[in-house]
């Protein structure tokens, strides 16, 4: 696919802009990367530069750490009975497919 064809698929992005992305002089936004990946039928993460991939990974880790901190804070606010119930609820949730995650 040519730069011009890709630009048309992306809604009129110029060939020059796509050239800047290819040479590393500029980086597309995350949303644009997803559109490019769809147009090229590839995984979006295969298009990320190392710096961009590192930045995305840091965001994911930060969000996960925030959620874990909230859970730990909630646990610490409970008495022993409440802590036991929270653990039981958590174990029950892990048995329901709707709540099972890919990252274990």
N, C-alpha and C. Protein backbone atom coordinates (compact mmCIF):
# COMPACT_ATOMS: atom_id res chain seq x y z
N UNK A 1 0.85 -1.17 0.00
CA UNK A 1 0.00 0.00 0.00
C UNK A 1 0.90 1.24 0.00
N UNK A 2 0.56 2.19 -0.82
CA UNK A 2 1.36 3.41 -0.88
C UNK A 2 0.97 4.35 0.25
N UNK A 3 1.82 5.34 0.50
CA UNK A 3 1.51 6.36 1.50
C UNK A 3 0.22 7.08 1.13
N UNK A 4 0.05 7.35 -0.13
CA UNK A 4 -1.15 8.06 -0.59
C UNK A 4 -2.41 7.22 -0.33
N UNK A 5 -2.33 5.92 -0.64
CA UNK A 5 -3.48 5.03 -0.40
C UNK A 5 -3.81 4.94 1.08
N UNK A 6 -2.77 4.82 1.90
CA UNK A 6 -2.99 4.77 3.35
C UNK A 6 -3.61 6.06 3.84
N UNK A 7 -3.10 7.18 3.35
CA UNK A 7 -3.66 8.48 3.74
C UNK A 7 -5.14 8.59 3.41
N UNK A 8 -5.53 8.06 2.27
CA UNK A 8 -6.95 8.08 1.88
C UNK A 8 -7.78 7.21 2.81
N UNK A 9 -7.25 6.03 3.16
CA UNK A 9 -7.97 5.13 4.08
C UNK A 9 -8.12 5.74 5.46
N UNK A 10 -7.18 6.62 5.81
CA UNK A 10 -7.21 7.24 7.14
C UNK A 10 -8.01 8.54 7.14
N UNK A 11 -8.65 8.82 6.05
CA UNK A 11 -9.51 10.00 6.02
C UNK A 11 -8.85 11.25 5.50
N UNK A 12 -7.88 11.10 4.61
CA UNK A 12 -7.28 12.27 3.98
C UNK A 12 -6.01 12.78 4.63
N UNK A 13 -5.27 11.93 5.28
CA UNK A 13 -3.98 12.34 5.85
C UNK A 13 -2.98 12.43 4.70
N UNK A 14 -2.17 13.45 4.72
CA UNK A 14 -1.25 13.70 3.61
C UNK A 14 -0.13 12.66 3.53
N UNK A 15 0.34 12.47 2.32
CA UNK A 15 1.47 11.57 2.07
C UNK A 15 2.69 12.05 2.83
N UNK A 16 2.86 13.37 2.94
CA UNK A 16 4.01 13.92 3.66
C UNK A 16 3.96 13.56 5.15
N UNK A 17 2.76 13.63 5.72
CA UNK A 17 2.62 13.29 7.14
C UNK A 17 2.95 11.82 7.36
N UNK A 18 2.47 10.96 6.52
CA UNK A 18 2.77 9.54 6.65
C UNK A 18 4.28 9.31 6.50
N UNK A 19 4.90 10.03 5.61
CA UNK A 19 6.35 9.94 5.45
C UNK A 19 7.09 10.35 6.71
N UNK A 20 6.60 11.37 7.41
CA UNK A 20 7.23 11.79 8.67
C UNK A 20 7.11 10.69 9.73
N UNK A 21 5.97 10.01 9.72
CA UNK A 21 5.81 8.90 10.67
C UNK A 21 6.79 7.79 10.34
N UNK A 22 6.89 7.46 9.06
CA UNK A 22 7.77 6.36 8.66
C UNK A 22 9.24 6.63 8.97
N UNK A 23 9.64 7.87 8.88
CA UNK A 23 11.05 8.21 9.14
C UNK A 23 11.32 8.52 10.60
N UNK A 24 10.28 8.54 11.42
CA UNK A 24 10.45 8.81 12.84
C UNK A 24 10.55 10.29 13.18
N UNK A 25 10.26 11.15 12.23
CA UNK A 25 10.31 12.60 12.50
C UNK A 25 9.08 13.06 13.27
N UNK A 26 8.05 12.25 13.25
CA UNK A 26 6.82 12.55 13.99
C UNK A 26 6.19 11.21 14.37
N UNK A 27 5.32 11.24 15.37
CA UNK A 27 4.60 10.03 15.80
C UNK A 27 3.10 10.29 15.73
N UNK A 28 2.36 9.33 15.19
CA UNK A 28 0.91 9.48 15.18
C UNK A 28 0.33 9.31 16.58
N UNK A 29 -0.86 9.84 16.80
CA UNK A 29 -1.54 9.66 18.07
C UNK A 29 -1.97 8.20 18.20
N UNK A 30 -2.26 7.80 19.43
CA UNK A 30 -2.66 6.42 19.70
C UNK A 30 -3.87 6.03 18.84
N UNK A 31 -4.85 6.92 18.73
CA UNK A 31 -6.04 6.63 17.96
C UNK A 31 -5.70 6.43 16.49
N UNK A 32 -4.76 7.21 15.99
CA UNK A 32 -4.34 7.09 14.60
C UNK A 32 -3.60 5.78 14.37
N UNK A 33 -2.79 5.37 15.34
CA UNK A 33 -2.08 4.10 15.23
C UNK A 33 -3.09 2.95 15.10
N UNK A 34 -4.15 3.03 15.86
CA UNK A 34 -5.18 1.99 15.80
C UNK A 34 -5.84 1.96 14.42
N UNK A 35 -6.07 3.13 13.84
CA UNK A 35 -6.65 3.19 12.49
C UNK A 35 -5.67 2.65 11.45
N UNK A 36 -4.40 3.00 11.59
CA UNK A 36 -3.38 2.50 10.66
C UNK A 36 -3.32 0.97 10.74
N UNK A 37 -3.32 0.45 11.96
CA UNK A 37 -3.25 -1.01 12.15
C UNK A 37 -4.44 -1.69 11.49
N UNK A 38 -5.60 -1.10 11.64
CA UNK A 38 -6.80 -1.67 11.02
C UNK A 38 -6.67 -1.64 9.50
N UNK A 39 -6.19 -0.52 8.96
CA UNK A 39 -6.03 -0.39 7.50
C UNK A 39 -5.01 -1.39 6.96
N UNK A 40 -3.97 -1.68 7.76
CA UNK A 40 -2.91 -2.59 7.32
C UNK A 40 -3.15 -4.03 7.76
N UNK A 41 -4.21 -4.24 8.57
CA UNK A 41 -4.55 -5.55 9.10
C UNK A 41 -3.39 -6.14 9.91
N UNK A 42 -2.88 -5.33 10.85
CA UNK A 42 -1.81 -5.75 11.75
C UNK A 42 -2.18 -5.39 13.19
N UNK A 43 -1.47 -5.95 14.14
CA UNK A 43 -1.67 -5.62 15.55
C UNK A 43 -1.16 -4.21 15.81
N UNK A 44 -1.93 -3.36 16.48
CA UNK A 44 -1.50 -1.98 16.71
C UNK A 44 -0.15 -1.87 17.41
N UNK A 45 0.15 -2.79 18.34
CA UNK A 45 1.39 -2.70 19.09
C UNK A 45 2.62 -2.96 18.21
N UNK A 46 2.41 -3.60 17.07
CA UNK A 46 3.55 -3.82 16.17
C UNK A 46 3.99 -2.52 15.51
N UNK A 47 3.15 -1.48 15.60
CA UNK A 47 3.47 -0.20 14.99
C UNK A 47 4.09 0.80 15.96
N UNK A 48 4.07 0.49 17.24
CA UNK A 48 4.61 1.41 18.24
C UNK A 48 6.13 1.44 18.19
N UNK A 49 6.69 2.62 18.36
CA UNK A 49 8.13 2.73 18.55
C UNK A 49 8.43 2.24 19.96
N UNK A 50 9.69 2.00 20.26
CA UNK A 50 10.07 1.53 21.60
C UNK A 50 9.62 2.53 22.66
N UNK A 51 9.85 3.83 22.41
CA UNK A 51 9.47 4.86 23.39
C UNK A 51 7.97 4.90 23.60
N UNK A 52 7.23 4.80 22.51
CA UNK A 52 5.77 4.83 22.63
C UNK A 52 5.26 3.60 23.36
N UNK A 53 5.84 2.43 23.06
CA UNK A 53 5.42 1.20 23.72
C UNK A 53 5.75 1.28 25.21
N UNK A 54 6.91 1.82 25.55
CA UNK A 54 7.29 1.96 26.96
C UNK A 54 6.33 2.89 27.70
N UNK A 55 5.96 3.97 27.05
CA UNK A 55 5.02 4.92 27.64
C UNK A 55 3.66 4.27 27.89
N UNK A 56 3.17 3.51 26.92
CA UNK A 56 1.89 2.81 27.08
C UNK A 56 1.97 1.80 28.21
N UNK A 57 3.06 1.07 28.29
CA UNK A 57 3.24 0.08 29.34
C UNK A 57 3.26 0.75 30.72
N UNK A 58 3.93 1.88 30.82
CA UNK A 58 3.96 2.61 32.09
C UNK A 58 2.56 3.05 32.51
N UNK A 59 1.74 3.48 31.55
CA UNK A 59 0.35 3.87 31.87
C UNK A 59 -0.44 2.69 32.40
N UNK A 60 -0.29 1.53 31.75
CA UNK A 60 -1.02 0.33 32.17
C UNK A 60 -0.59 -0.08 33.57
N UNK A 61 0.70 -0.08 33.82
CA UNK A 61 1.21 -0.45 35.15
C UNK A 61 0.72 0.53 36.20
N UNK A 62 0.75 1.80 35.89
CA UNK A 62 0.30 2.83 36.83
C UNK A 62 -1.17 2.64 37.17
N UNK A 63 -2.00 2.37 36.17
CA UNK A 63 -3.43 2.16 36.41
C UNK A 63 -3.66 0.92 37.27
N UNK A 64 -2.89 -0.13 36.99
CA UNK A 64 -3.02 -1.36 37.76
C UNK A 64 -2.60 -1.13 39.21
N UNK A 65 -1.51 -0.40 39.41
CA UNK A 65 -1.04 -0.11 40.76
C UNK A 65 -2.05 0.73 41.53
N UNK A 66 -2.70 1.68 40.85
CA UNK A 66 -3.73 2.49 41.51
C UNK A 66 -4.87 1.62 42.01
N UNK A 67 -5.33 0.71 41.15
CA UNK A 67 -6.44 -0.17 41.52
C UNK A 67 -6.04 -1.07 42.68
N UNK A 68 -4.82 -1.58 42.64
CA UNK A 68 -4.36 -2.45 43.72
C UNK A 68 -4.23 -1.66 45.02
N UNK A 69 -3.82 -0.41 44.95
CA UNK A 69 -3.69 0.43 46.15
C UNK A 69 -5.06 0.69 46.76
N UNK A 70 -6.06 0.91 45.91
CA UNK A 70 -7.44 1.14 46.41
C UNK A 70 -7.94 -0.11 47.11
N UNK A 71 -7.69 -1.27 46.50
CA UNK A 71 -8.13 -2.53 47.10
C UNK A 71 -7.45 -2.76 48.45
N UNK A 72 -6.15 -2.51 48.50
CA UNK A 72 -5.41 -2.69 49.75
C UNK A 72 -5.89 -1.71 50.82
N UNK A 73 -6.14 -0.46 50.42
CA UNK A 73 -6.64 0.54 51.36
C UNK A 73 -8.00 0.12 51.91
N UNK A 74 -8.86 -0.38 51.04
CA UNK A 74 -10.18 -0.85 51.47
C UNK A 74 -10.03 -2.00 52.46
N UNK A 75 -9.16 -2.94 52.15
CA UNK A 75 -8.92 -4.10 53.02
C UNK A 75 -8.45 -3.64 54.40
N UNK A 76 -7.54 -2.69 54.43
CA UNK A 76 -6.98 -2.21 55.70
C UNK A 76 -8.01 -1.49 56.57
N UNK A 77 -9.07 -0.98 55.99
CA UNK A 77 -10.10 -0.27 56.74
C UNK A 77 -11.06 -1.22 57.45
N UNK A 78 -10.99 -2.50 57.09
CA UNK A 78 -11.94 -3.47 57.63
C UNK A 78 -11.43 -4.15 58.89
N UNK A 79 -12.39 -4.63 59.70
CA UNK A 79 -12.00 -5.46 60.85
C UNK A 79 -11.74 -6.88 60.34
N UNK A 80 -11.38 -7.79 61.23
CA UNK A 80 -11.03 -9.15 60.80
C UNK A 80 -12.18 -9.85 60.08
N UNK A 81 -13.40 -9.66 60.55
CA UNK A 81 -14.55 -10.28 59.90
C UNK A 81 -14.74 -9.71 58.50
N UNK A 82 -14.64 -8.41 58.38
CA UNK A 82 -14.77 -7.76 57.08
C UNK A 82 -13.68 -8.19 56.11
N UNK A 83 -12.47 -8.33 56.62
CA UNK A 83 -11.35 -8.78 55.77
C UNK A 83 -11.62 -10.19 55.24
N UNK A 84 -12.12 -11.07 56.10
CA UNK A 84 -12.43 -12.43 55.67
C UNK A 84 -13.52 -12.43 54.60
N UNK A 85 -14.53 -11.60 54.78
CA UNK A 85 -15.63 -11.53 53.80
C UNK A 85 -15.13 -10.97 52.47
N UNK A 86 -14.27 -9.96 52.53
CA UNK A 86 -13.73 -9.39 51.30
C UNK A 86 -12.95 -10.44 50.52
N UNK A 87 -12.15 -11.23 51.22
CA UNK A 87 -11.39 -12.31 50.57
C UNK A 87 -12.35 -13.33 49.97
N UNK A 88 -13.40 -13.69 50.71
CA UNK A 88 -14.38 -14.65 50.19
C UNK A 88 -15.05 -14.10 48.93
N UNK A 89 -15.44 -12.83 48.96
CA UNK A 89 -16.07 -12.22 47.77
C UNK A 89 -15.12 -12.24 46.58
N UNK A 90 -13.88 -11.92 46.85
CA UNK A 90 -12.89 -11.91 45.78
C UNK A 90 -12.71 -13.30 45.17
N UNK A 91 -12.64 -14.30 46.03
CA UNK A 91 -12.50 -15.67 45.54
C UNK A 91 -13.72 -16.09 44.74
N UNK A 92 -14.91 -15.69 45.19
CA UNK A 92 -16.14 -16.00 44.44
C UNK A 92 -16.11 -15.34 43.06
N UNK A 93 -15.67 -14.09 43.00
CA UNK A 93 -15.63 -13.38 41.72
C UNK A 93 -14.69 -14.05 40.72
N UNK A 94 -13.62 -14.65 41.21
CA UNK A 94 -12.67 -15.29 40.30
C UNK A 94 -13.26 -16.53 39.63
N UNK A 95 -14.35 -17.04 40.16
CA UNK A 95 -14.99 -18.23 39.59
C UNK A 95 -16.03 -17.89 38.54
N UNK A 96 -16.35 -16.61 38.39
CA UNK A 96 -17.36 -16.17 37.42
C UNK A 96 -16.66 -15.72 36.15
N UNK A 97 -16.90 -16.40 35.02
CA UNK A 97 -16.20 -16.07 33.78
C UNK A 97 -16.25 -14.59 33.39
N UNK A 98 -17.36 -13.95 33.65
CA UNK A 98 -17.55 -12.55 33.29
C UNK A 98 -16.49 -11.64 33.95
N UNK A 99 -15.98 -12.06 35.11
CA UNK A 99 -15.03 -11.26 35.87
C UNK A 99 -13.58 -11.75 35.76
N UNK A 100 -13.39 -12.82 35.05
CA UNK A 100 -12.04 -13.36 34.90
C UNK A 100 -11.27 -12.54 33.89
N UNK A 101 -10.05 -12.18 34.26
CA UNK A 101 -9.21 -11.39 33.36
C UNK A 101 -8.14 -12.22 32.71
N UNK A 102 -7.49 -11.62 31.72
CA UNK A 102 -6.41 -12.30 31.02
C UNK A 102 -5.15 -12.30 31.87
N UNK A 103 -4.95 -11.21 32.65
CA UNK A 103 -3.76 -11.12 33.49
C UNK A 103 -4.06 -11.70 34.85
N UNK A 104 -3.45 -12.78 35.14
CA UNK A 104 -3.72 -13.48 36.40
C UNK A 104 -2.65 -13.18 37.41
